[in-house]
Amino acid sequence: MAMSDSEYHQLADEMFDLIETAVENAIDNDDADVDIDTTGNVLQLEFTDGSKIVINKQEPLHEIWVATRFGGYHFGYVDGKWLDGRNGGEFLPFVQAAIAKQSGLKLSF
């Protein structure tokens, strides 16, 4: 059964909230400097070196897209998990690894 737009937004917003909270906690623990900007369907993290990770909702496709300095990734909701369309990797571990690789910041979920 297809997911409704409201279900999609609820699930995606939960991921955005988890990431934002984890980044804020990591900043407090590591005394790091990360700018967090949430505008509409986009969560943008900017690190001290000027690099960014942009996470955005793609409502028409019911996906979450992630742009890092290493490439772009698309995650769809399958069997209760957000999975990468190319390699099947899970969303939160991917974001955790991407943030660590790009900024050195270690997140806990």
PDB file of N, CA and C in Angstrom:
ATOM      1  N   MET A   1       0.831  -1.180   0.000  1.00  0.00           N
ATOM      2  CA  MET A   1       0.000   0.000   0.000  1.00  0.00           C
ATOM      3  C   MET A   1       0.876   1.245   0.000  1.00  0.00           C
ATOM      4  N   ALA A   2       0.537   2.200  -0.820  1.00  0.00           N
ATOM      5  CA  ALA A   2       1.340   3.409  -0.959  1.00  0.00           C
ATOM      6  C   ALA A   2       1.211   4.290   0.283  1.00  0.00           C
ATOM      7  N   MET A   3       2.274   4.969   0.588  1.00  0.00           N
ATOM      8  CA  MET A   3       2.310   5.888   1.719  1.00  0.00           C
ATOM      9  C   MET A   3       1.635   7.204   1.330  1.00  0.00           C
ATOM     10  N   SER A   4       0.870   7.783   2.243  1.00  0.00           N
ATOM     11  CA  SER A   4       0.255   9.080   1.978  1.00  0.00           C
ATOM     12  C   SER A   4       1.297  10.185   2.175  1.00  0.00           C
ATOM     13  N   ASP A   5       1.025  11.355   1.622  1.00  0.00           N
ATOM     14  CA  ASP A   5       1.933  12.489   1.801  1.00  0.00           C
ATOM     15  C   ASP A   5       2.105  12.833   3.278  1.00  0.00           C
ATOM     16  N   SER A   6       1.022  12.774   4.054  1.00  0.00           N
ATOM     17  CA  SER A   6       1.131  13.122   5.475  1.00  0.00           C
ATOM     18  C   SER A   6       1.976  12.098   6.230  1.00  0.00           C
ATOM     19  N   GLU A   7       1.847  10.810   5.892  1.00  0.00           N
ATOM     20  CA  GLU A   7       2.692   9.785   6.510  1.00  0.00           C
ATOM     21  C   GLU A   7       4.159  10.021   6.146  1.00  0.00           C
ATOM     22  N   TYR A   8       4.391  10.322   4.885  1.00  0.00           N
ATOM     23  CA  TYR A   8       5.753  10.600   4.423  1.00  0.00           C
ATOM     24  C   TYR A   8       6.366  11.753   5.211  1.00  0.00           C
ATOM     25  N   HIS A   9       5.626  12.861   5.327  1.00  0.00           N
ATOM     26  CA  HIS A   9       6.160  14.032   6.035  1.00  0.00           C
ATOM     27  C   HIS A   9       6.418  13.719   7.500  1.00  0.00           C
ATOM     28  N   GLN A  10       5.538  12.954   8.129  1.00  0.00           N
ATOM     29  CA  GLN A  10       5.741  12.592   9.533  1.00  0.00           C
ATOM     30  C   GLN A  10       7.028  11.775   9.692  1.00  0.00           C
ATOM     31  N   LEU A  11       7.221  10.769   8.843  1.00  0.00           N
ATOM     32  CA  LEU A  11       8.409   9.925   8.907  1.00  0.00           C
ATOM     33  C   LEU A  11       9.682  10.710   8.599  1.00  0.00           C
ATOM     34  N   ALA A  12       9.637  11.554   7.580  1.00  0.00           N
ATOM     35  CA  ALA A  12      10.810  12.353   7.218  1.00  0.00           C
ATOM     36  C   ALA A  12      11.126  13.367   8.311  1.00  0.00           C
ATOM     37  N   ASP A  13      10.095  14.004   8.866  1.00  0.00           N
ATOM     38  CA  ASP A  13      10.317  14.982   9.940  1.00  0.00           C
ATOM     39  C   ASP A  13      10.949  14.324  11.157  1.00  0.00           C
ATOM     40  N   GLU A  14      10.569  13.079  11.443  1.00  0.00           N
ATOM     41  CA  GLU A  14      11.194  12.359  12.559  1.00  0.00           C
ATOM     42  C   GLU A  14      12.696  12.214  12.328  1.00  0.00           C
ATOM     43  N   MET A  15      13.101  11.921  11.093  1.00  0.00           N
ATOM     44  CA  MET A  15      14.527  11.794  10.781  1.00  0.00           C
ATOM     45  C   MET A  15      15.235  13.150  10.918  1.00  0.00           C
ATOM     46  N   PHE A  16      14.605  14.208  10.412  1.00  0.00           N
ATOM     47  CA  PHE A  16      15.184  15.543  10.530  1.00  0.00           C
ATOM     48  C   PHE A  16      15.382  15.900  12.001  1.00  0.00           C
ATOM     49  N   ASP A  17      14.373  15.622  12.829  1.00  0.00           N
ATOM     50  CA  ASP A  17      14.455  15.944  14.262  1.00  0.00           C
ATOM     51  C   ASP A  17      15.564  15.148  14.939  1.00  0.00           C
ATOM     52  N   LEU A  18      15.679  13.856  14.605  1.00  0.00           N
ATOM     53  CA  LEU A  18      16.748  13.034  15.183  1.00  0.00           C
ATOM     54  C   LEU A  18      18.125  13.585  14.839  1.00  0.00           C
ATOM     55  N   ILE A  19      18.315  13.966  13.582  1.00  0.00           N
ATOM     56  CA  ILE A  19      19.609  14.497  13.143  1.00  0.00           C
ATOM     57  C   ILE A  19      19.899  15.815  13.840  1.00  0.00           C
ATOM     58  N   GLU A  20      18.921  16.703  13.850  1.00  0.00           N
ATOM     59  CA  GLU A  20      19.133  18.013  14.466  1.00  0.00           C
ATOM     60  C   GLU A  20      19.485  17.866  15.954  1.00  0.00           C
ATOM     61  N   THR A  21      18.775  17.018  16.671  1.00  0.00           N
ATOM     62  CA  THR A  21      19.049  16.794  18.091  1.00  0.00           C
ATOM     63  C   THR A  21      20.431  16.181  18.290  1.00  0.00           C
ATOM     64  N   ALA A  22      20.790  15.193  17.470  1.00  0.00           N
ATOM     65  CA  ALA A  22      22.106  14.548  17.587  1.00  0.00           C
ATOM     66  C   ALA A  22      23.229  15.539  17.311  1.00  0.00           C
ATOM     67  N   VAL A  23      23.053  16.403  16.302  1.00  0.00           N
ATOM     68  CA  VAL A  23      24.079  17.404  15.997  1.00  0.00           C
ATOM     69  C   VAL A  23      24.198  18.393  17.158  1.00  0.00           C
ATOM     70  N   GLU A  24      23.068  18.859  17.678  1.00  0.00           N
ATOM     71  CA  GLU A  24      23.111  19.797  18.808  1.00  0.00           C
ATOM     72  C   GLU A  24      23.798  19.172  20.020  1.00  0.00           C
ATOM     73  N   ASN A  25      23.508  17.890  20.301  1.00  0.00           N
ATOM     74  CA  ASN A  25      24.163  17.200  21.418  1.00  0.00           C
ATOM     75  C   ASN A  25      25.661  17.049  21.182  1.00  0.00           C
ATOM     76  N   ALA A  26      26.054  16.730  19.957  1.00  0.00           N
ATOM     77  CA  ALA A  26      27.470  16.582  19.623  1.00  0.00           C
ATOM     78  C   ALA A  26      28.200  17.920  19.735  1.00  0.00           C
ATOM     79  N   ILE A  27      27.526  18.993  19.324  1.00  0.00           N
ATOM     80  CA  ILE A  27      28.123  20.327  19.432  1.00  0.00           C
ATOM     81  C   ILE A  27      28.374  20.653  20.898  1.00  0.00           C
ATOM     82  N   ASP A  28      27.386  20.371  21.760  1.00  0.00           N
ATOM     83  CA  ASP A  28      27.532  20.640  23.188  1.00  0.00           C
ATOM     84  C   ASP A  28      28.669  19.829  23.792  1.00  0.00           C
ATOM     85  N   ASN A  29      28.795  18.565  23.379  1.00  0.00           N
ATOM     86  CA  ASN A  29      29.826  17.685  23.950  1.00  0.00           C
ATOM     87  C   ASN A  29      31.216  17.958  23.399  1.00  0.00           C
ATOM     88  N   ASP A  30      31.312  18.319  22.115  1.00  0.00           N
ATOM     89  CA  ASP A  30      32.616  18.502  21.466  1.00  0.00           C
ATOM     90  C   ASP A  30      33.022  19.958  21.341  1.00  0.00           C
ATOM     91  N   ASP A  31      32.162  20.872  21.766  1.00  0.00           N
ATOM     92  CA  ASP A  31      32.402  22.299  21.597  1.00  0.00           C
ATOM     93  C   ASP A  31      32.697  22.629  20.134  1.00  0.00           C
ATOM     94  N   ALA A  32      31.983  21.956  19.245  1.00  0.00           N
ATOM     95  CA  ALA A  32      32.147  22.154  17.800  1.00  0.00           C
ATOM     96  C   ALA A  32      31.266  23.315  17.339  1.00  0.00           C
ATOM     97  N   ASP A  33      31.507  23.760  16.130  1.00  0.00           N
ATOM     98  CA  ASP A  33      30.713  24.846  15.558  1.00  0.00           C
ATOM     99  C   ASP A  33      30.082  24.355  14.262  1.00  0.00           C
ATOM    100  N   VAL A  34      28.788  24.124  14.313  1.00  0.00           N
ATOM    101  CA  VAL A  34      28.033  23.689  13.139  1.00  0.00           C
ATOM    102  C   VAL A  34      26.806  24.578  13.045  1.00  0.00           C
ATOM    103  N   ASP A  35      26.597  25.177  11.886  1.00  0.00           N
ATOM    104  CA  ASP A  35      25.380  25.949  11.659  1.00  0.00           C
ATOM    105  C   ASP A  35      24.303  25.002  11.158  1.00  0.00           C
ATOM    106  N   ILE A  36      23.159  25.016  11.841  1.00  0.00           N
ATOM    107  CA  ILE A  36      22.017  24.190  11.457  1.00  0.00           C
ATOM    108  C   ILE A  36      20.936  25.119  10.947  1.00  0.00           C
ATOM    109  N   ASP A  37      20.489  24.873   9.729  1.00  0.00           N
ATOM    110  CA  ASP A  37      19.433  25.712   9.140  1.00  0.00           C
ATOM    111  C   ASP A  37      18.349  24.788   8.591  1.00  0.00           C
ATOM    112  N   THR A  38      17.169  24.909   9.175  1.00  0.00           N
ATOM    113  CA  THR A  38      16.025  24.152   8.677  1.00  0.00           C
ATOM    114  C   THR A  38      15.044  25.136   8.065  1.00  0.00           C
ATOM    115  N   THR A  39      14.843  25.014   6.768  1.00  0.00           N
ATOM    116  CA  THR A  39      13.914  25.888   6.056  1.00  0.00           C
ATOM    117  C   THR A  39      13.047  25.021   5.158  1.00  0.00           C
ATOM    118  N   GLY A  40      11.751  25.028   5.431  1.00  0.00           N
ATOM    119  CA  GLY A  40      10.841  24.237   4.607  1.00  0.00           C
ATOM    120  C   GLY A  40      11.200  22.771   4.634  1.00  0.00           C
ATOM    121  N   ASN A  41      11.485  22.213   3.490  1.00  0.00           N
ATOM    122  CA  ASN A  41      11.795  20.792   3.354  1.00  0.00           C
ATOM    123  C   ASN A  41      13.291  20.498   3.360  1.00  0.00           C
ATOM    124  N   VAL A  42      14.104  21.455   3.824  1.00  0.00           N
ATOM    125  CA  VAL A  42      15.559  21.309   3.745  1.00  0.00           C
ATOM    126  C   VAL A  42      16.194  21.474   5.125  1.00  0.00           C
ATOM    127  N   LEU A  43      17.097  20.548   5.459  1.00  0.00           N
ATOM    128  CA  LEU A  43      17.940  20.645   6.646  1.00  0.00           C
ATOM    129  C   LEU A  43      19.371  20.781   6.139  1.00  0.00           C
ATOM    130  N   GLN A  44      19.997  21.902   6.468  1.00  0.00           N
ATOM    131  CA  GLN A  44      21.356  22.151   5.987  1.00  0.00           C
ATOM    132  C   GLN A  44      22.297  22.271   7.179  1.00  0.00           C
ATOM    133  N   LEU A  45      23.404  21.539   7.111  1.00  0.00           N
ATOM    134  CA  LEU A  45      24.449  21.601   8.120  1.00  0.00           C
ATOM    135  C   LEU A  45      25.679  22.210   7.472  1.00  0.00           C
ATOM    136  N   GLU A  46      26.201  23.286   8.070  1.00  0.00           N
ATOM    137  CA  GLU A  46      27.421  23.901   7.547  1.00  0.00           C
ATOM    138  C   GLU A  46      28.494  23.806   8.605  1.00  0.00           C
ATOM    139  N   PHE A  47      29.653  23.301   8.195  1.00  0.00           N
ATOM    140  CA  PHE A  47      30.750  23.035   9.119  1.00  0.00           C
ATOM    141  C   PHE A  47      31.792  24.153   9.068  1.00  0.00           C
ATOM    142  N   THR A  48      32.726  24.136  10.017  1.00  0.00           N
ATOM    143  CA  THR A  48      33.694  25.228  10.142  1.00  0.00           C
ATOM    144  C   THR A  48      34.558  25.403   8.896  1.00  0.00           C
ATOM    145  N   ASP A  49      34.759  24.347   8.123  1.00  0.00           N
ATOM    146  CA  ASP A  49      35.570  24.475   6.903  1.00  0.00           C
ATOM    147  C   ASP A  49      34.763  25.012   5.721  1.00  0.00           C
ATOM    148  N   GLY A  50      33.474  25.343   5.965  1.00  0.00           N
ATOM    149  CA  GLY A  50      32.627  25.885   4.908  1.00  0.00           C
ATOM    150  C   GLY A  50      31.882  24.825   4.120  1.00  0.00           C
ATOM    151  N   SER A  51      32.201  23.556   4.346  1.00  0.00           N
ATOM    152  CA  SER A  51      31.488  22.500   3.625  1.00  0.00           C
ATOM    153  C   SER A  51      30.096  22.314   4.227  1.00  0.00           C
ATOM    154  N   LYS A  52      29.216  21.711   3.442  1.00  0.00           N
ATOM    155  CA  LYS A  52      27.828  21.540   3.857  1.00  0.00           C
ATOM    156  C   LYS A  52      27.359  20.117   3.576  1.00  0.00           C
ATOM    157  N   ILE A  53      26.384  19.710   4.364  1.00  0.00           N
ATOM    158  CA  ILE A  53      25.578  18.533   4.059  1.00  0.00           C
ATOM    159  C   ILE A  53      24.145  19.035   3.999  1.00  0.00           C
ATOM    160  N   VAL A  54      23.483  18.755   2.891  1.00  0.00           N
ATOM    161  CA  VAL A  54      22.115  19.212   2.687  1.00  0.00           C
ATOM    162  C   VAL A  54      21.210  17.981   2.599  1.00  0.00           C
ATOM    163  N   ILE A  55      20.200  17.978   3.454  1.00  0.00           N
ATOM    164  CA  ILE A  55      19.239  16.872   3.493  1.00  0.00           C
ATOM    165  C   ILE A  55      17.886  17.468   3.146  1.00  0.00           C
ATOM    166  N   ASN A  56      17.249  16.931   2.127  1.00  0.00           N
ATOM    167  CA  ASN A  56      15.955  17.513   1.765  1.00  0.00           C
ATOM    168  C   ASN A  56      14.927  16.458   1.404  1.00  0.00           C
ATOM    169  N   LYS A  57      13.679  16.841   1.622  1.00  0.00           N
ATOM    170  CA  LYS A  57      12.554  15.975   1.301  1.00  0.00           C
ATOM    171  C   LYS A  57      12.215  16.123  -0.173  1.00  0.00           C
ATOM    172  N   GLN A  58      11.996  15.007  -0.816  1.00  0.00           N
ATOM    173  CA  GLN A  58      11.516  14.980  -2.192  1.00  0.00           C
ATOM    174  C   GLN A  58      10.106  14.392  -2.138  1.00  0.00           C
ATOM    175  N   GLU A  59       9.140  15.261  -1.847  1.00  0.00           N
ATOM    176  CA  GLU A  59       7.770  14.805  -1.618  1.00  0.00           C
ATOM    177  C   GLU A  59       7.178  14.019  -2.783  1.00  0.00           C
ATOM    178  N   PRO A  60       7.343  14.478  -4.033  1.00  0.00           N
ATOM    179  CA  PRO A  60       6.712  13.722  -5.128  1.00  0.00           C
ATOM    180  C   PRO A  60       7.170  12.267  -5.191  1.00  0.00           C
ATOM    181  N   LEU A  61       8.410  12.002  -4.779  1.00  0.00           N
ATOM    182  CA  LEU A  61       8.969  10.652  -4.824  1.00  0.00           C
ATOM    183  C   LEU A  61       8.905   9.946  -3.470  1.00  0.00           C
ATOM    184  N   HIS A  62       8.505  10.681  -2.435  1.00  0.00           N
ATOM    185  CA  HIS A  62       8.508  10.162  -1.060  1.00  0.00           C
ATOM    186  C   HIS A  62       9.902   9.657  -0.687  1.00  0.00           C
ATOM    187  N   GLU A  63      10.901  10.472  -0.985  1.00  0.00           N
ATOM    188  CA  GLU A  63      12.287  10.144  -0.678  1.00  0.00           C
ATOM    189  C   GLU A  63      12.916  11.256   0.147  1.00  0.00           C
ATOM    190  N   ILE A  64      14.041  10.921   0.766  1.00  0.00           N
ATOM    191  CA  ILE A  64      14.915  11.911   1.397  1.00  0.00           C
ATOM    192  C   ILE A  64      16.220  11.882   0.611  1.00  0.00           C
ATOM    193  N   TRP A  65      16.650  13.059   0.174  1.00  0.00           N
ATOM    194  CA  TRP A  65      17.900  13.161  -0.572  1.00  0.00           C
ATOM    195  C   TRP A  65      18.958  13.801   0.312  1.00  0.00           C
ATOM    196  N   VAL A  66      20.193  13.306   0.179  1.00  0.00           N
ATOM    197  CA  VAL A  66      21.314  13.811   0.959  1.00  0.00           C
ATOM    198  C   VAL A  66      22.430  14.189  -0.007  1.00  0.00           C
ATOM    199  N   ALA A  67      22.905  15.433   0.113  1.00  0.00           N
ATOM    200  CA  ALA A  67      24.047  15.892  -0.677  1.00  0.00           C
ATOM    201  C   ALA A  67      25.208  16.151   0.275  1.00  0.00           C
ATOM    202  N   THR A  68      26.328  15.460   0.027  1.00  0.00           N
ATOM    203  CA  THR A  68      27.544  15.656   0.805  1.00  0.00           C
ATOM    204  C   THR A  68      28.642  16.099  -0.154  1.00  0.00           C
ATOM    205  N   ARG A  69      29.794  16.392   0.381  1.00  0.00           N
ATOM    206  CA  ARG A  69      30.892  16.766  -0.519  1.00  0.00           C
ATOM    207  C   ARG A  69      31.362  15.560  -1.323  1.00  0.00           C
ATOM    208  N   PHE A  70      30.912  14.364  -0.937  1.00  0.00           N
ATOM    209  CA  PHE A  70      31.329  13.122  -1.598  1.00  0.00           C
ATOM    210  C   PHE A  70      30.298  12.589  -2.584  1.00  0.00           C
ATOM    211  N   GLY A  71      29.142  13.254  -2.678  1.00  0.00           N
ATOM    212  CA  GLY A  71      28.139  12.799  -3.633  1.00  0.00           C
ATOM    213  C   GLY A  71      26.726  12.959  -3.113  1.00  0.00           C
ATOM    214  N   GLY A  72      25.777  12.592  -3.970  1.00  0.00           N
ATOM    215  CA  GLY A  72      24.365  12.683  -3.633  1.00  0.00           C
ATOM    216  C   GLY A  72      23.755  11.296  -3.475  1.00  0.00           C
ATOM    217  N   TYR A  73      22.806  11.190  -2.557  1.00  0.00           N
ATOM    218  CA  TYR A  73      22.207   9.903  -2.227  1.00  0.00           C
ATOM    219  C   TYR A  73      20.703  10.071  -2.062  1.00  0.00           C
ATOM    220  N   HIS A  74      19.955   9.044  -2.452  1.00  0.00           N
ATOM    221  CA  HIS A  74      18.493   9.073  -2.376  1.00  0.00           C
ATOM    222  C   HIS A  74      18.027   7.911  -1.511  1.00  0.00           C
ATOM    223  N   PHE A  75      17.180   8.214  -0.520  1.00  0.00           N
ATOM    224  CA  PHE A  75      16.680   7.206   0.414  1.00  0.00           C
ATOM    225  C   PHE A  75      15.169   7.116   0.310  1.00  0.00           C
ATOM    226  N   GLY A  76      14.670   5.907   0.126  1.00  0.00           N
ATOM    227  CA  GLY A  76      13.242   5.646   0.099  1.00  0.00           C
ATOM    228  C   GLY A  76      12.846   4.824   1.316  1.00  0.00           C
ATOM    229  N   TYR A  77      11.593   4.920   1.702  1.00  0.00           N
ATOM    230  CA  TYR A  77      11.098   4.199   2.878  1.00  0.00           C
ATOM    231  C   TYR A  77      10.614   2.809   2.448  1.00  0.00           C
ATOM    232  N   VAL A  78      11.324   1.773   2.918  1.00  0.00           N
ATOM    233  CA  VAL A  78      11.031   0.394   2.531  1.00  0.00           C
ATOM    234  C   VAL A  78      10.998  -0.479   3.786  1.00  0.00           C
ATOM    235  N   ASP A  79       9.881  -1.147   3.993  1.00  0.00           N
ATOM    236  CA  ASP A  79       9.757  -2.091   5.112  1.00  0.00           C
ATOM    237  C   ASP A  79      10.173  -1.484   6.448  1.00  0.00           C
ATOM    238  N   GLY A  80       9.738  -0.241   6.688  1.00  0.00           N
ATOM    239  CA  GLY A  80       9.996   0.403   7.979  1.00  0.00           C
ATOM    240  C   GLY A  80      11.349   1.047   8.133  1.00  0.00           C
ATOM    241  N   LYS A  81      12.125   1.152   7.032  1.00  0.00           N
ATOM    242  CA  LYS A  81      13.460   1.754   7.100  1.00  0.00           C
ATOM    243  C   LYS A  81      13.676   2.669   5.901  1.00  0.00           C
ATOM    244  N   TRP A  82      14.460   3.738   6.114  1.00  0.00           N
ATOM    245  CA  TRP A  82      14.899   4.589   5.011  1.00  0.00           C
ATOM    246  C   TRP A  82      16.158   3.954   4.430  1.00  0.00           C
ATOM    247  N   LEU A  83      16.100   3.530   3.150  1.00  0.00           N
ATOM    248  CA  LEU A  83      17.205   2.814   2.526  1.00  0.00           C
ATOM    249  C   LEU A  83      17.692   3.521   1.264  1.00  0.00           C
ATOM    250  N   ASP A  84      19.012   3.487   1.066  1.00  0.00           N
ATOM    251  CA  ASP A  84      19.639   4.057  -0.117  1.00  0.00           C
ATOM    252  C   ASP A  84      19.210   3.247  -1.337  1.00  0.00           C
ATOM    253  N   GLY A  85      18.755   3.950  -2.360  1.00  0.00           N
ATOM    254  CA  GLY A  85      18.286   3.291  -3.578  1.00  0.00           C
ATOM    255  C   GLY A  85      19.368   2.560  -4.339  1.00  0.00           C
ATOM    256  N   ARG A  86      20.634   2.905  -4.132  1.00  0.00           N
ATOM    257  CA  ARG A  86      21.723   2.262  -4.868  1.00  0.00           C
ATOM    258  C   ARG A  86      22.294   1.055  -4.139  1.00  0.00           C
ATOM    259  N   ASN A  87      22.576   1.219  -2.842  1.00  0.00           N
ATOM    260  CA  ASN A  87      23.273   0.134  -2.141  1.00  0.00           C
ATOM    261  C   ASN A  87      22.499  -0.452  -0.971  1.00  0.00           C
ATOM    262  N   GLY A  88      21.297   0.067  -0.686  1.00  0.00           N
ATOM    263  CA  GLY A  88      20.478  -0.486   0.376  1.00  0.00           C
ATOM    264  C   GLY A  88      20.893  -0.091   1.781  1.00  0.00           C
ATOM    265  N   GLY A  89      21.898   0.793   1.890  1.00  0.00           N
ATOM    266  CA  GLY A  89      22.347   1.241   3.207  1.00  0.00           C
ATOM    267  C   GLY A  89      21.270   2.053   3.919  1.00  0.00           C
ATOM    268  N   GLU A  90      21.284   2.000   5.253  1.00  0.00           N
ATOM    269  CA  GLU A  90      20.292   2.722   6.040  1.00  0.00           C
ATOM    270  C   GLU A  90      20.663   4.185   6.208  1.00  0.00           C
ATOM    271  N   PHE A  91      19.636   5.016   6.281  1.00  0.00           N
ATOM    272  CA  PHE A  91      19.773   6.470   6.302  1.00  0.00           C
ATOM    273  C   PHE A  91      20.577   6.992   7.494  1.00  0.00           C
ATOM    274  N   LEU A  92      20.159   6.689   8.730  1.00  0.00           N
ATOM    275  CA  LEU A  92      20.829   7.286   9.888  1.00  0.00           C
ATOM    276  C   LEU A  92      22.303   6.888  10.006  1.00  0.00           C
ATOM    277  N   PRO A  93      22.662   5.613   9.848  1.00  0.00           N
ATOM    278  CA  PRO A  93      24.098   5.294   9.869  1.00  0.00           C
ATOM    279  C   PRO A  93      24.869   6.003   8.753  1.00  0.00           C
ATOM    280  N   PHE A  94      24.231   6.160   7.585  1.00  0.00           N
ATOM    281  CA  PHE A  94      24.893   6.876   6.492  1.00  0.00           C
ATOM    282  C   PHE A  94      25.153   8.324   6.882  1.00  0.00           C
ATOM    283  N   VAL A  95      24.130   8.999   7.415  1.00  0.00           N
ATOM    284  CA  VAL A  95      24.280  10.405   7.807  1.00  0.00           C
ATOM    285  C   VAL A  95      25.343  10.534   8.901  1.00  0.00           C
ATOM    286  N   GLN A  96      25.315   9.627   9.859  1.00  0.00           N
ATOM    287  CA  GLN A  96      26.295   9.632  10.942  1.00  0.00           C
ATOM    288  C   GLN A  96      27.716   9.531  10.375  1.00  0.00           C
ATOM    289  N   ALA A  97      27.933   8.597   9.452  1.00  0.00           N
ATOM    290  CA  ALA A  97      29.253   8.407   8.842  1.00  0.00           C
ATOM    291  C   ALA A  97      29.641   9.595   7.976  1.00  0.00           C
ATOM    292  N   ALA A  98      28.681  10.149   7.216  1.00  0.00           N
ATOM    293  CA  ALA A  98      28.971  11.285   6.336  1.00  0.00           C
ATOM    294  C   ALA A  98      29.381  12.514   7.150  1.00  0.00           C
ATOM    295  N   ILE A  99      28.694  12.768   8.248  1.00  0.00           N
ATOM    296  CA  ILE A  99      29.035  13.918   9.093  1.00  0.00           C
ATOM    297  C   ILE A  99      30.412  13.713   9.717  1.00  0.00           C
ATOM    298  N   ALA A 100      30.704  12.508  10.188  1.00  0.00           N
ATOM    299  CA  ALA A 100      32.023  12.224  10.772  1.00  0.00           C
ATOM    300  C   ALA A 100      33.123  12.383   9.724  1.00  0.00           C
ATOM    301  N   LYS A 101      32.889  11.873   8.526  1.00  0.00           N
ATOM    302  CA  LYS A 101      33.891  11.942   7.454  1.00  0.00           C
ATOM    303  C   LYS A 101      34.127  13.384   7.017  1.00  0.00           C
ATOM    304  N   GLN A 102      33.056  14.157   6.947  1.00  0.00           N
ATOM    305  CA  GLN A 102      33.167  15.518   6.418  1.00  0.00           C
ATOM    306  C   GLN A 102      33.623  16.518   7.479  1.00  0.00           C
ATOM    307  N   SER A 103      33.257  16.292   8.756  1.00  0.00           N
ATOM    308  CA  SER A 103      33.556  17.301   9.776  1.00  0.00           C
ATOM    309  C   SER A 103      34.323  16.782  10.980  1.00  0.00           C
ATOM    310  N   GLY A 104      34.380  15.454  11.150  1.00  0.00           N
ATOM    311  CA  GLY A 104      34.993  14.884  12.329  1.00  0.00           C
ATOM    312  C   GLY A 104      34.049  14.803  13.516  1.00  0.00           C
ATOM    313  N   LEU A 105      32.850  15.313  13.371  1.00  0.00           N
ATOM    314  CA  LEU A 105      31.863  15.318  14.447  1.00  0.00           C
ATOM    315  C   LEU A 105      31.238  13.937  14.592  1.00  0.00           C
ATOM    316  N   LYS A 106      31.260  13.398  15.802  1.00  0.00           N
ATOM    317  CA  LYS A 106      30.701  12.062  16.070  1.00  0.00           C
ATOM    318  C   LYS A 106      29.301  12.223  16.643  1.00  0.00           C
ATOM    319  N   LEU A 107      28.308  11.642  15.951  1.00  0.00           N
ATOM    320  CA  LEU A 107      26.929  11.708  16.409  1.00  0.00           C
ATOM    321  C   LEU A 107      26.516  10.418  17.084  1.00  0.00           C
ATOM    322  N   SER A 108      25.575  10.554  18.036  1.00  0.00           N
ATOM    323  CA  SER A 108      24.954   9.391  18.664  1.00  0.00           C
ATOM    324  C   SER A 108      23.464   9.498  18.466  1.00  0.00           C
ATOM    325  N   PHE A 109      22.832   8.410  18.021  1.00  0.00           N
ATOM    326  CA  PHE A 109      21.377   8.374  17.850  1.00  0.00           C
ATOM    327  C   PHE A 109      20.784   7.450  18.887  1.00  0.00           C
TER     328      PHE A 109
END
